[in-house]
Amino acid sequence: MALLDAATAAGADISLDTYPYLPGATTLSAILPSWASAGSTEEILARLGDSAALARIREQLEVTGSDGCHGVTAEWHTIEISGVQHRGLDDYVGRTIAEIADVQGRDPFDVYIDILCRDELGSGILQHVGHEENVRAIMQHPKHTGGSDGLLVGAKPHPRAWGTFARYLGHYCRELGLMSLEECVGHLSGRPATRLRLVDRGFIRPGFAADLVLFDPDTVADTATYDQPRQPATGFTHVFVRGQLALDDGRLTGATAGRSLRRGADGNVR
């Protein structure tokens, strides 16, 4: 953040966004070194069957660090399988690479490569590597915007897809008091809309699209968990999309008034 502040003070236009959870979510193949994950699925799988390439991958994942793993080595006890595309691997969901390796009496790296190959790179993961103090510090930064970065697929996807905005408003705003309600709403609406140059969204103003979310600040809360990630948030009563009621007293109306937005030649999105 010191680097960001210095660059901003020097005139750079920089922002950042986060979601209010510790674990990350991505694909199992994403932690491979970039050279190993280049090309098509077939090319990557062929690479994973080459002994020389595997030795180089192991060196980077377990000794020197992989650019696919934030530049550090993989910690197998932090990498949990969240979804698979082949049903024969269902038993792996909800277990870490280290746990699977321990049960099978195998080397964790070998288990990792085996799952990649058997699931044809289709496995999703949760990476339990976050730090709460960092999450809190970053979300209070004046250049910060909130987002879910949500993945909706997999047997046990990240609960951020269902709980992010309620967690900001309920846990971090109301319960912990890290920011005022007005500040929190700004982090989730007007600020990201301005950042993305959405010319008629993000604010309640004449001529703007009537995209409105009504919630009770005293009860709004996330209920999605890592075991049950698809549980809807509570406290949201009504949602209007372009003026049409999409959620009425907590119940979906079936209205689908949303449409795609496109960036114009001037850089603005309409």
Protein backbone atom coordinates (compact mmCIF):
# COMPACT_ATOMS: atom_id res chain seq x y z
CA MET A 1 0.00 0.00 0.00
CA ALA A 2 2.96 2.30 0.57
CA LEU A 3 3.97 1.76 -3.06
CA LEU A 4 0.41 2.51 -4.18
CA ASP A 5 0.24 5.67 -2.09
CA ALA A 6 3.58 6.90 -3.40
CA ALA A 7 2.56 6.28 -7.00
CA THR A 8 -0.79 7.98 -6.46
CA ALA A 9 0.91 10.98 -4.88
CA ALA A 10 3.14 11.18 -7.96
CA GLY A 11 0.10 11.38 -10.22
CA ALA A 12 -0.52 7.74 -11.18
CA ASP A 13 -4.14 6.62 -11.55
CA ILE A 14 -4.28 3.39 -9.54
CA SER A 15 -7.00 1.57 -7.61
CA LEU A 16 -7.41 -1.84 -6.02
CA ASP A 17 -10.24 -4.21 -5.23
CA THR A 18 -10.69 -7.09 -2.79
CA TYR A 19 -13.28 -9.47 -1.39
CA PRO A 20 -13.76 -9.84 2.40
CA TYR A 21 -12.49 -13.40 2.90
CA LEU A 22 -9.14 -15.03 3.64
CA PRO A 23 -9.01 -17.93 1.15
CA GLY A 24 -8.59 -17.36 -2.55
CA ALA A 25 -10.28 -19.40 -5.27
CA THR A 26 -8.90 -20.45 -8.61
CA THR A 27 -8.17 -23.58 -10.62
CA LEU A 28 -5.74 -26.29 -9.57
CA SER A 29 -3.73 -25.72 -12.74
CA ALA A 30 -3.32 -22.00 -12.00
CA ILE A 31 -0.54 -22.59 -9.48
CA LEU A 32 1.66 -24.19 -12.13
CA PRO A 33 4.58 -22.06 -13.34
CA SER A 34 3.42 -19.96 -16.28
CA TRP A 35 5.70 -21.74 -18.73
CA ALA A 36 4.12 -25.07 -17.72
CA SER A 37 0.54 -23.81 -18.11
CA ALA A 38 1.08 -22.22 -21.53
CA GLY A 39 -0.82 -23.48 -24.55
CA SER A 40 -3.80 -25.78 -24.96
CA THR A 41 -5.05 -28.38 -22.51
CA GLU A 42 -3.45 -31.07 -24.63
CA GLU A 43 -0.09 -29.30 -24.61
CA ILE A 44 -0.17 -28.83 -20.84
CA LEU A 45 -1.13 -32.46 -20.19
CA ALA A 46 1.67 -33.61 -22.48
CA ARG A 47 4.09 -31.47 -20.47
CA LEU A 48 2.84 -33.09 -17.25
CA GLY A 49 3.77 -36.47 -18.70
CA ASP A 50 7.35 -35.47 -19.44
CA SER A 51 9.83 -36.41 -16.71
CA ALA A 52 12.18 -33.49 -17.34
CA ALA A 53 9.33 -30.97 -17.29
CA LEU A 54 7.93 -32.56 -14.11
CA ALA A 55 11.27 -32.25 -12.36
CA ARG A 56 11.41 -28.56 -13.26
CA ILE A 57 7.81 -28.02 -12.09
CA ARG A 58 8.51 -29.78 -8.78
CA GLU A 59 11.60 -27.61 -8.23
CA GLN A 60 9.57 -24.42 -8.66
CA LEU A 61 6.52 -25.56 -6.70
CA GLU A 62 8.42 -26.98 -3.75
CA VAL A 63 11.82 -25.24 -3.64
CA THR A 64 12.24 -21.96 -5.50
CA GLY A 65 8.65 -20.71 -5.90
CA SER A 66 6.15 -20.61 -8.75
CA ASP A 67 4.89 -17.45 -10.42
CA GLY A 68 1.53 -19.22 -10.56
CA CYS A 69 1.57 -19.46 -6.76
CA HIS A 70 2.25 -15.80 -5.96
CA GLY A 71 5.98 -16.37 -6.44
CA VAL A 72 6.26 -18.68 -3.44
CA THR A 73 6.28 -22.44 -2.95
CA ALA A 74 3.03 -24.39 -2.77
CA GLU A 75 1.80 -25.27 0.71
CA TRP A 76 -0.13 -28.46 0.08
CA HIS A 77 -2.07 -28.24 3.34
CA THR A 78 -3.61 -24.93 2.20
CA ILE A 79 -4.86 -26.11 -1.21
CA GLU A 80 -8.39 -27.55 -0.95
CA ILE A 81 -10.23 -29.11 -3.89
CA SER A 82 -13.49 -27.20 -4.37
CA GLY A 83 -14.85 -28.84 -7.51
CA VAL A 84 -14.04 -31.43 -10.16
CA GLN A 85 -15.37 -32.04 -13.65
CA HIS A 86 -15.05 -35.84 -13.57
CA ARG A 87 -17.42 -37.54 -11.13
CA GLY A 88 -14.90 -40.25 -10.27
CA LEU A 89 -12.95 -37.62 -8.33
CA ASP A 90 -15.88 -36.40 -6.22
CA ASP A 91 -14.36 -37.80 -3.02
CA TYR A 92 -11.55 -35.26 -3.30
CA VAL A 93 -13.88 -32.26 -2.95
CA GLY A 94 -13.46 -30.55 0.41
CA ARG A 95 -10.05 -32.14 1.08
CA THR A 96 -6.61 -30.62 0.78
CA ILE A 97 -3.81 -32.03 -1.34
CA ALA A 98 -1.93 -32.84 1.88
CA GLU A 99 -4.93 -34.72 3.32
CA ILE A 100 -5.39 -36.76 0.16
CA ALA A 101 -1.68 -37.57 0.04
CA ASP A 102 -1.68 -38.60 3.70
CA VAL A 103 -4.65 -40.96 3.27
CA GLN A 104 -3.13 -42.51 0.16
CA GLY A 105 0.40 -42.67 1.55
CA ARG A 106 1.72 -40.73 -1.42
CA ASP A 107 3.86 -37.70 -2.12
CA PRO A 108 1.72 -34.52 -2.28
CA PHE A 109 3.32 -33.33 -5.53
CA ASP A 110 2.52 -36.67 -7.18
CA VAL A 111 -1.08 -36.38 -5.95
CA TYR A 112 -1.28 -32.85 -7.36
CA ILE A 113 -0.07 -33.92 -10.80
CA ASP A 114 -2.31 -37.00 -10.76
CA ILE A 115 -5.44 -34.92 -10.08
CA LEU A 116 -4.51 -32.42 -12.80
CA CYS A 117 -4.17 -35.20 -15.33
CA ARG A 118 -7.18 -37.28 -14.28
CA ASP A 119 -9.46 -34.24 -14.20
CA GLU A 120 -7.99 -32.80 -17.41
CA LEU A 121 -7.14 -29.51 -15.66
CA GLY A 122 -10.79 -29.02 -14.65
CA SER A 123 -10.40 -28.98 -10.85
CA GLY A 124 -11.21 -25.88 -8.82
CA ILE A 125 -9.51 -25.03 -5.53
CA LEU A 126 -9.69 -22.85 -2.45
CA GLN A 127 -6.32 -21.54 -1.29
CA HIS A 128 -6.25 -20.89 2.46
CA VAL A 129 -3.41 -18.37 2.50
CA GLY A 130 -4.95 -15.04 3.55
CA HIS A 131 -4.33 -12.86 6.61
CA GLU A 132 -7.16 -11.07 8.40
CA GLU A 133 -5.14 -7.97 9.26
CA ASN A 134 -4.33 -7.50 5.57
CA VAL A 135 -7.96 -7.95 4.55
CA ARG A 136 -9.05 -5.27 7.02
CA ALA A 137 -6.28 -2.81 6.16
CA ILE A 138 -6.78 -3.02 2.42
CA MET A 139 -10.57 -2.64 2.50
CA GLN A 140 -10.21 0.66 4.36
CA HIS A 141 -7.87 2.19 1.78
CA PRO A 142 -9.38 5.25 0.04
CA LYS A 143 -8.67 3.77 -3.41
CA HIS A 144 -10.31 0.45 -2.57
CA THR A 145 -13.44 -0.96 -4.17
CA GLY A 146 -15.26 -4.14 -3.18
CA GLY A 147 -15.99 -7.05 -5.47
CA SER A 148 -16.83 -10.73 -5.18
CA ASP A 149 -14.54 -12.21 -7.85
CA GLY A 150 -17.08 -15.01 -7.52
CA LEU A 151 -16.85 -18.40 -9.22
CA LEU A 152 -20.26 -20.06 -9.42
CA VAL A 153 -19.17 -23.53 -10.52
CA GLY A 154 -17.99 -26.58 -8.59
CA ALA A 155 -19.45 -28.67 -5.80
CA LYS A 156 -18.05 -26.37 -3.12
CA PRO A 157 -17.26 -22.99 -4.68
CA HIS A 158 -16.04 -20.04 -2.64
CA PRO A 159 -18.83 -18.50 -0.49
CA ARG A 160 -17.77 -15.06 -1.76
CA ALA A 161 -20.06 -15.54 -4.76
CA TRP A 162 -23.11 -15.45 -2.46
CA GLY A 163 -21.92 -13.54 0.58
CA THR A 164 -19.44 -10.82 -0.37
CA PHE A 165 -21.56 -7.68 -0.25
CA ALA A 166 -23.57 -8.74 2.77
CA ARG A 167 -20.32 -9.56 4.56
CA TYR A 168 -18.95 -6.09 3.89
CA LEU A 169 -22.15 -4.45 5.13
CA GLY A 170 -22.85 -6.78 8.05
CA HIS A 171 -19.62 -8.16 9.46
CA TYR A 172 -17.04 -5.50 8.61
CA CYS A 173 -19.25 -2.40 8.68
CA ARG A 174 -21.92 -3.05 11.34
CA GLU A 175 -20.17 -5.56 13.62
CA LEU A 176 -16.54 -4.43 13.43
CA GLY A 177 -17.12 -0.76 12.57
CA LEU A 178 -14.18 -0.58 10.15
CA MET A 179 -16.01 2.03 8.10
CA SER A 180 -19.30 3.91 8.21
CA LEU A 181 -22.33 2.57 6.38
CA GLU A 182 -22.07 5.40 3.86
CA GLU A 183 -18.40 4.67 3.22
CA CYS A 184 -19.11 0.96 2.80
CA VAL A 185 -21.91 1.57 0.31
CA GLY A 186 -19.57 3.85 -1.63
CA HIS A 187 -16.93 1.12 -1.79
CA LEU A 188 -19.55 -1.22 -3.31
CA SER A 189 -21.42 1.09 -5.70
CA GLY A 190 -20.41 4.57 -6.80
CA ARG A 191 -16.67 4.10 -6.53
CA PRO A 192 -16.42 0.94 -8.69
CA ALA A 193 -18.95 2.36 -11.17
CA THR A 194 -16.81 5.47 -11.54
CA ARG A 195 -13.67 3.37 -11.85
CA LEU A 196 -15.22 1.32 -14.65
CA ARG A 197 -16.57 4.50 -16.28
CA LEU A 198 -20.20 3.39 -16.12
CA VAL A 199 -21.76 6.67 -17.14
CA ASP A 200 -25.27 6.18 -15.72
CA ARG A 201 -24.88 3.71 -12.87
CA GLY A 202 -23.59 3.53 -9.33
CA PHE A 203 -25.47 6.56 -7.96
CA ILE A 204 -29.06 7.59 -7.29
CA ARG A 205 -29.37 10.55 -9.64
CA PRO A 206 -31.83 11.85 -12.24
CA GLY A 207 -31.29 10.15 -15.58
CA PHE A 208 -29.36 7.23 -14.11
CA ALA A 209 -30.47 3.60 -14.45
CA ALA A 210 -32.66 2.69 -11.49
CA ASP A 211 -30.44 -0.14 -10.25
CA LEU A 212 -31.36 -0.17 -6.56
CA VAL A 213 -30.66 -2.61 -3.72
CA LEU A 214 -32.73 -2.11 -0.56
CA PHE A 215 -31.46 -3.71 2.64
CA ASP A 216 -31.86 -3.50 6.39
CA PRO A 217 -28.51 -2.33 7.84
CA ASP A 218 -29.39 -3.90 11.19
CA THR A 219 -29.92 -7.41 9.81
CA VAL A 220 -27.98 -7.72 6.56
CA ALA A 221 -25.60 -10.67 6.87
CA ASP A 222 -23.86 -13.34 4.86
CA THR A 223 -24.89 -16.93 5.52
CA ALA A 224 -22.80 -18.69 2.87
CA THR A 225 -20.11 -20.92 4.39
CA TYR A 226 -17.32 -23.07 2.99
CA ASP A 227 -19.40 -26.17 3.70
CA GLN A 228 -22.63 -24.63 2.33
CA PRO A 229 -21.49 -21.88 -0.05
CA ARG A 230 -24.74 -21.33 -1.94
CA GLN A 231 -26.79 -19.98 0.96
CA PRO A 232 -28.25 -16.56 0.10
CA ALA A 233 -27.54 -13.51 2.22
CA THR A 234 -30.19 -12.14 4.55
CA GLY A 235 -31.42 -8.59 5.03
CA PHE A 236 -31.86 -7.71 1.35
CA THR A 237 -35.54 -6.97 0.77
CA HIS A 238 -35.95 -5.44 -2.70
CA VAL A 239 -33.81 -5.19 -5.83
CA PHE A 240 -34.65 -3.08 -8.87
CA VAL A 241 -32.82 -3.56 -12.17
CA ARG A 242 -33.32 -0.69 -14.60
CA GLY A 243 -36.46 0.20 -12.67
CA GLN A 244 -37.99 -3.26 -12.74
CA LEU A 245 -38.53 -5.17 -9.51
CA ALA A 246 -36.32 -8.29 -9.55
CA LEU A 247 -36.53 -9.13 -5.82
CA ASP A 248 -39.76 -8.37 -3.97
CA ASP A 249 -39.67 -8.77 -0.19
CA GLY A 250 -36.91 -11.36 -0.53
CA ARG A 251 -38.58 -13.30 -3.35
CA LEU A 252 -37.48 -13.40 -6.98
CA THR A 253 -40.05 -11.97 -9.37
CA GLY A 254 -38.71 -13.55 -12.56
CA ALA A 255 -38.07 -10.15 -14.17
CA THR A 256 -34.85 -10.04 -16.21
CA ALA A 257 -34.37 -6.41 -17.14
CA GLY A 258 -30.57 -6.45 -17.21
CA ARG A 259 -28.63 -6.04 -20.44
CA SER A 260 -25.03 -6.08 -21.58
CA LEU A 261 -23.04 -2.87 -21.26
CA ARG A 262 -20.39 -1.98 -23.82
CA ARG A 263 -17.43 0.35 -23.78
CA GLY A 264 -17.55 3.05 -26.44
CA ALA A 265 -14.77 4.73 -28.37
CA ASP A 266 -14.62 7.42 -25.67
CA GLY A 267 -13.82 4.79 -23.03
CA ASN A 268 -17.15 5.16 -21.26
CA VAL A 269 -19.49 2.24 -20.69
CA ARG A 270 -23.18 2.48 -21.56
